[in-house]
Amino acid sequence: MNIQADRTLQEAHTTLSVPEVIEAAKRFFARRNSLYAAFVDREGPTFVSLRGQGGEEVVIGATPAKDSAATLVTGSTYLFDQQVARFFTTLPPWDGVS
């Protein structure tokens, strides 16, 4: 089993709206220690692609979750998996109640 492959795509549910998630991601990654900072490369209404040290890409996507009032947030990266996990901890969690 490849543990790194298991960490390249992470998911979370939050009470924030899709635009709020995208803005939060841009703020969070711009404020990191310079080694882990990442800045907007491309963005759209439901995603932001950021580039960091050595060209490392971080992609955050958000969409309304099916069958709930939550927003599903996905994060994908190869090297910045800890930073994506930390970003997810800053999002207000969805408690599972609609």
N, C-alpha and C. Protein backbone atom coordinates (compact mmCIF):
# COMPACT_ATOMS: atom_id res chain seq x y z
N MET A 1 0.85 -1.18 0.00
CA MET A 1 0.00 0.00 0.00
C MET A 1 0.89 1.25 0.00
N ASN A 2 0.59 2.19 -0.86
CA ASN A 2 1.35 3.43 -0.95
C ASN A 2 0.70 4.48 -0.06
N ILE A 3 1.32 4.76 1.09
CA ILE A 3 0.75 5.71 2.05
C ILE A 3 0.68 7.11 1.46
N GLN A 4 1.68 7.53 0.70
CA GLN A 4 1.65 8.88 0.10
C GLN A 4 0.46 9.01 -0.85
N ALA A 5 0.16 8.00 -1.61
CA ALA A 5 -0.98 8.06 -2.53
C ALA A 5 -2.28 8.25 -1.76
N ASP A 6 -2.37 7.68 -0.57
CA ASP A 6 -3.57 7.82 0.26
C ASP A 6 -3.74 9.24 0.77
N ARG A 7 -2.65 10.03 0.82
CA ARG A 7 -2.72 11.39 1.35
C ARG A 7 -2.83 12.46 0.27
N THR A 8 -2.77 12.08 -0.99
CA THR A 8 -2.77 13.09 -2.04
C THR A 8 -4.15 13.70 -2.27
N LEU A 9 -5.22 13.03 -1.86
CA LEU A 9 -6.57 13.57 -1.97
C LEU A 9 -7.22 13.48 -0.60
N GLN A 10 -7.60 14.63 -0.06
CA GLN A 10 -8.24 14.69 1.25
C GLN A 10 -9.60 15.36 1.11
N GLU A 11 -10.53 15.01 1.99
CA GLU A 11 -11.87 15.59 1.95
C GLU A 11 -12.31 16.02 3.34
N ALA A 12 -13.17 17.02 3.37
CA ALA A 12 -13.78 17.50 4.61
C ALA A 12 -15.14 18.10 4.27
N HIS A 13 -15.99 18.19 5.27
CA HIS A 13 -17.29 18.86 5.13
C HIS A 13 -17.30 20.07 6.05
N THR A 14 -17.86 21.17 5.58
CA THR A 14 -17.89 22.40 6.36
C THR A 14 -19.23 23.10 6.20
N THR A 15 -19.47 24.04 7.10
CA THR A 15 -20.66 24.87 7.02
C THR A 15 -20.45 26.09 6.13
N LEU A 16 -19.20 26.37 5.74
CA LEU A 16 -18.94 27.51 4.87
C LEU A 16 -19.53 27.27 3.49
N SER A 17 -19.82 28.36 2.79
CA SER A 17 -20.29 28.26 1.40
C SER A 17 -19.08 28.00 0.49
N VAL A 18 -19.36 27.62 -0.74
CA VAL A 18 -18.28 27.37 -1.70
C VAL A 18 -17.37 28.60 -1.86
N PRO A 19 -17.91 29.81 -2.12
CA PRO A 19 -17.02 30.97 -2.25
C PRO A 19 -16.21 31.25 -0.98
N GLU A 20 -16.80 31.03 0.18
CA GLU A 20 -16.07 31.25 1.44
C GLU A 20 -14.91 30.27 1.58
N VAL A 21 -15.08 29.04 1.15
CA VAL A 21 -14.00 28.05 1.21
C VAL A 21 -12.85 28.47 0.30
N ILE A 22 -13.17 28.89 -0.90
CA ILE A 22 -12.12 29.29 -1.85
C ILE A 22 -11.34 30.49 -1.31
N GLU A 23 -12.03 31.48 -0.77
CA GLU A 23 -11.34 32.64 -0.18
C GLU A 23 -10.50 32.23 1.02
N ALA A 24 -11.02 31.35 1.85
CA ALA A 24 -10.27 30.88 3.03
C ALA A 24 -8.99 30.17 2.59
N ALA A 25 -9.06 29.37 1.54
CA ALA A 25 -7.86 28.66 1.05
C ALA A 25 -6.80 29.64 0.57
N LYS A 26 -7.23 30.64 -0.19
CA LYS A 26 -6.26 31.63 -0.69
C LYS A 26 -5.58 32.35 0.47
N ARG A 27 -6.35 32.74 1.49
CA ARG A 27 -5.76 33.43 2.65
C ARG A 27 -4.83 32.50 3.42
N PHE A 28 -5.28 31.29 3.69
CA PHE A 28 -4.50 30.35 4.49
C PHE A 28 -3.14 30.07 3.86
N PHE A 29 -3.12 29.72 2.58
CA PHE A 29 -1.85 29.33 1.97
C PHE A 29 -0.93 30.51 1.71
N ALA A 30 -1.46 31.70 1.54
CA ALA A 30 -0.61 32.88 1.36
C ALA A 30 0.10 33.26 2.65
N ARG A 31 -0.45 32.88 3.79
CA ARG A 31 0.10 33.28 5.09
C ARG A 31 1.01 32.25 5.72
N ARG A 32 1.28 31.16 5.05
CA ARG A 32 2.12 30.11 5.62
C ARG A 32 3.58 30.56 5.66
N ASN A 33 4.38 29.85 6.45
CA ASN A 33 5.83 30.01 6.45
C ASN A 33 6.28 29.96 4.99
N SER A 34 7.27 30.75 4.63
CA SER A 34 7.67 30.87 3.22
C SER A 34 7.95 29.53 2.55
N LEU A 35 8.40 28.55 3.31
CA LEU A 35 8.67 27.23 2.75
C LEU A 35 7.38 26.55 2.30
N TYR A 36 6.27 26.84 2.99
CA TYR A 36 5.00 26.20 2.68
C TYR A 36 3.95 27.15 2.13
N ALA A 37 4.33 28.36 1.81
CA ALA A 37 3.38 29.31 1.22
C ALA A 37 3.07 28.87 -0.21
N ALA A 38 1.85 29.16 -0.63
CA ALA A 38 1.44 28.87 -2.01
C ALA A 38 0.52 30.00 -2.46
N PHE A 39 0.64 30.35 -3.73
CA PHE A 39 -0.09 31.50 -4.25
C PHE A 39 -0.92 31.10 -5.46
N VAL A 40 -1.98 31.84 -5.69
CA VAL A 40 -2.95 31.50 -6.72
C VAL A 40 -2.27 31.39 -8.09
N ASP A 41 -2.52 30.28 -8.73
CA ASP A 41 -2.06 30.03 -10.09
C ASP A 41 -3.25 30.14 -11.04
N ARG A 42 -4.34 29.44 -10.69
CA ARG A 42 -5.59 29.49 -11.46
C ARG A 42 -6.74 29.38 -10.47
N GLU A 43 -7.88 29.93 -10.85
CA GLU A 43 -9.05 29.75 -10.00
C GLU A 43 -10.33 29.86 -10.81
N GLY A 44 -11.37 29.29 -10.26
CA GLY A 44 -12.70 29.35 -10.84
C GLY A 44 -13.70 29.42 -9.71
N PRO A 45 -14.97 29.38 -10.00
CA PRO A 45 -15.98 29.52 -8.95
C PRO A 45 -15.95 28.41 -7.89
N THR A 46 -15.44 27.23 -8.26
CA THR A 46 -15.47 26.11 -7.33
C THR A 46 -14.10 25.53 -7.01
N PHE A 47 -13.02 26.18 -7.45
CA PHE A 47 -11.68 25.65 -7.16
C PHE A 47 -10.65 26.77 -7.16
N VAL A 48 -9.53 26.46 -6.54
CA VAL A 48 -8.35 27.32 -6.64
C VAL A 48 -7.14 26.39 -6.73
N SER A 49 -6.25 26.70 -7.67
CA SER A 49 -5.00 25.98 -7.84
C SER A 49 -3.90 26.94 -7.40
N LEU A 50 -3.07 26.47 -6.47
CA LEU A 50 -2.01 27.31 -5.91
C LEU A 50 -0.66 26.68 -6.22
N ARG A 51 0.37 27.51 -6.34
CA ARG A 51 1.73 27.03 -6.56
C ARG A 51 2.60 27.45 -5.40
N GLY A 52 3.42 26.50 -4.94
CA GLY A 52 4.31 26.79 -3.82
C GLY A 52 5.75 26.51 -4.18
N GLN A 53 6.55 26.31 -3.15
CA GLN A 53 7.98 26.05 -3.26
C GLN A 53 8.26 25.00 -4.32
N GLY A 54 9.15 25.30 -5.25
CA GLY A 54 9.53 24.34 -6.28
C GLY A 54 8.43 24.03 -7.28
N GLY A 55 7.40 24.86 -7.33
CA GLY A 55 6.31 24.62 -8.26
C GLY A 55 5.26 23.63 -7.78
N GLU A 56 5.37 23.22 -6.50
CA GLU A 56 4.40 22.27 -5.95
C GLU A 56 2.99 22.82 -6.09
N GLU A 57 2.07 22.01 -6.58
CA GLU A 57 0.69 22.43 -6.78
C GLU A 57 -0.20 21.93 -5.65
N VAL A 58 -1.08 22.81 -5.21
CA VAL A 58 -2.13 22.49 -4.25
C VAL A 58 -3.44 22.89 -4.91
N VAL A 59 -4.39 21.97 -4.96
CA VAL A 59 -5.69 22.28 -5.54
C VAL A 59 -6.75 22.06 -4.47
N ILE A 60 -7.55 23.09 -4.25
CA ILE A 60 -8.68 23.01 -3.32
C ILE A 60 -9.95 23.20 -4.13
N GLY A 61 -10.88 22.30 -3.98
CA GLY A 61 -12.17 22.39 -4.66
C GLY A 61 -13.29 22.33 -3.64
N ALA A 62 -14.41 22.93 -3.98
CA ALA A 62 -15.56 22.92 -3.07
C ALA A 62 -16.84 22.82 -3.89
N THR A 63 -17.79 22.09 -3.35
CA THR A 63 -19.08 21.92 -4.00
C THR A 63 -20.13 21.63 -2.93
N PRO A 64 -21.37 22.04 -3.16
CA PRO A 64 -22.41 21.66 -2.20
C PRO A 64 -22.48 20.13 -2.11
N ALA A 65 -22.51 19.63 -0.90
CA ALA A 65 -22.58 18.18 -0.70
C ALA A 65 -23.97 17.67 -1.07
N LYS A 66 -24.01 16.50 -1.65
CA LYS A 66 -25.29 15.88 -1.99
C LYS A 66 -25.97 15.42 -0.71
N ASP A 67 -27.26 15.59 -0.63
CA ASP A 67 -28.07 15.09 0.49
C ASP A 67 -27.77 15.75 1.83
N SER A 68 -27.18 16.96 1.83
CA SER A 68 -26.96 17.65 3.09
C SER A 68 -26.78 19.14 2.83
N ALA A 69 -26.74 19.91 3.91
CA ALA A 69 -26.54 21.35 3.81
C ALA A 69 -25.06 21.72 3.86
N ALA A 70 -24.20 20.74 3.88
CA ALA A 70 -22.76 20.98 3.99
C ALA A 70 -22.15 21.34 2.65
N THR A 71 -20.91 21.81 2.72
CA THR A 71 -20.07 21.98 1.54
C THR A 71 -18.98 20.93 1.62
N LEU A 72 -18.81 20.17 0.55
CA LEU A 72 -17.75 19.18 0.46
C LEU A 72 -16.50 19.87 -0.07
N VAL A 73 -15.41 19.74 0.66
CA VAL A 73 -14.14 20.37 0.28
C VAL A 73 -13.14 19.26 0.00
N THR A 74 -12.47 19.35 -1.14
CA THR A 74 -11.42 18.40 -1.46
C THR A 74 -10.11 19.15 -1.62
N GLY A 75 -9.04 18.51 -1.24
CA GLY A 75 -7.71 19.08 -1.39
C GLY A 75 -6.79 18.04 -1.98
N SER A 76 -6.01 18.44 -2.97
CA SER A 76 -5.10 17.51 -3.62
C SER A 76 -3.72 18.14 -3.75
N THR A 77 -2.72 17.38 -3.41
CA THR A 77 -1.33 17.81 -3.51
C THR A 77 -0.45 16.59 -3.37
N TYR A 78 0.80 16.71 -3.72
CA TYR A 78 1.72 15.60 -3.52
C TYR A 78 2.58 15.82 -2.29
N LEU A 79 3.13 17.02 -2.12
CA LEU A 79 4.05 17.27 -1.02
C LEU A 79 3.45 18.08 0.13
N PHE A 80 2.41 18.85 -0.11
CA PHE A 80 1.87 19.74 0.92
C PHE A 80 0.68 19.11 1.66
N ASP A 81 0.68 17.79 1.82
CA ASP A 81 -0.46 17.12 2.44
C ASP A 81 -0.70 17.57 3.88
N GLN A 82 0.36 17.85 4.63
CA GLN A 82 0.17 18.33 6.01
C GLN A 82 -0.47 19.71 6.02
N GLN A 83 -0.11 20.55 5.08
CA GLN A 83 -0.69 21.89 5.03
C GLN A 83 -2.16 21.83 4.63
N VAL A 84 -2.51 20.92 3.73
CA VAL A 84 -3.92 20.74 3.37
C VAL A 84 -4.70 20.26 4.59
N ALA A 85 -4.15 19.31 5.33
CA ALA A 85 -4.82 18.83 6.55
C ALA A 85 -4.99 19.96 7.55
N ARG A 86 -3.98 20.80 7.70
CA ARG A 86 -4.08 21.95 8.62
C ARG A 86 -5.14 22.93 8.15
N PHE A 87 -5.20 23.19 6.84
CA PHE A 87 -6.24 24.06 6.31
C PHE A 87 -7.62 23.52 6.66
N PHE A 88 -7.82 22.23 6.50
CA PHE A 88 -9.12 21.64 6.82
C PHE A 88 -9.50 21.86 8.28
N THR A 89 -8.50 21.88 9.18
CA THR A 89 -8.82 22.10 10.60
C THR A 89 -9.29 23.52 10.88
N THR A 90 -9.03 24.45 9.96
CA THR A 90 -9.47 25.84 10.15
C THR A 90 -10.91 26.06 9.68
N LEU A 91 -11.46 25.09 8.96
CA LEU A 91 -12.83 25.22 8.46
C LEU A 91 -13.82 24.84 9.54
N PRO A 92 -14.91 25.60 9.71
CA PRO A 92 -15.91 25.19 10.68
C PRO A 92 -16.53 23.87 10.23
N PRO A 93 -16.50 22.87 11.09
CA PRO A 93 -17.00 21.56 10.68
C PRO A 93 -18.52 21.54 10.54
N TRP A 94 -18.97 20.69 9.66
CA TRP A 94 -20.40 20.46 9.52
C TRP A 94 -20.75 19.36 10.51
N ASP A 95 -21.76 19.58 11.33
CA ASP A 95 -22.09 18.63 12.40
C ASP A 95 -22.94 17.45 11.96
N GLY A 96 -23.28 17.40 10.69
CA GLY A 96 -24.05 16.27 10.19
C GLY A 96 -25.54 16.41 10.32
N VAL A 97 -26.01 17.56 10.81
CA VAL A 97 -27.44 17.77 10.97
C VAL A 97 -27.90 18.77 9.93
N SER A 98 -28.89 18.38 9.14
CA SER A 98 -29.43 19.29 8.12
C SER A 98 -30.59 20.08 8.66
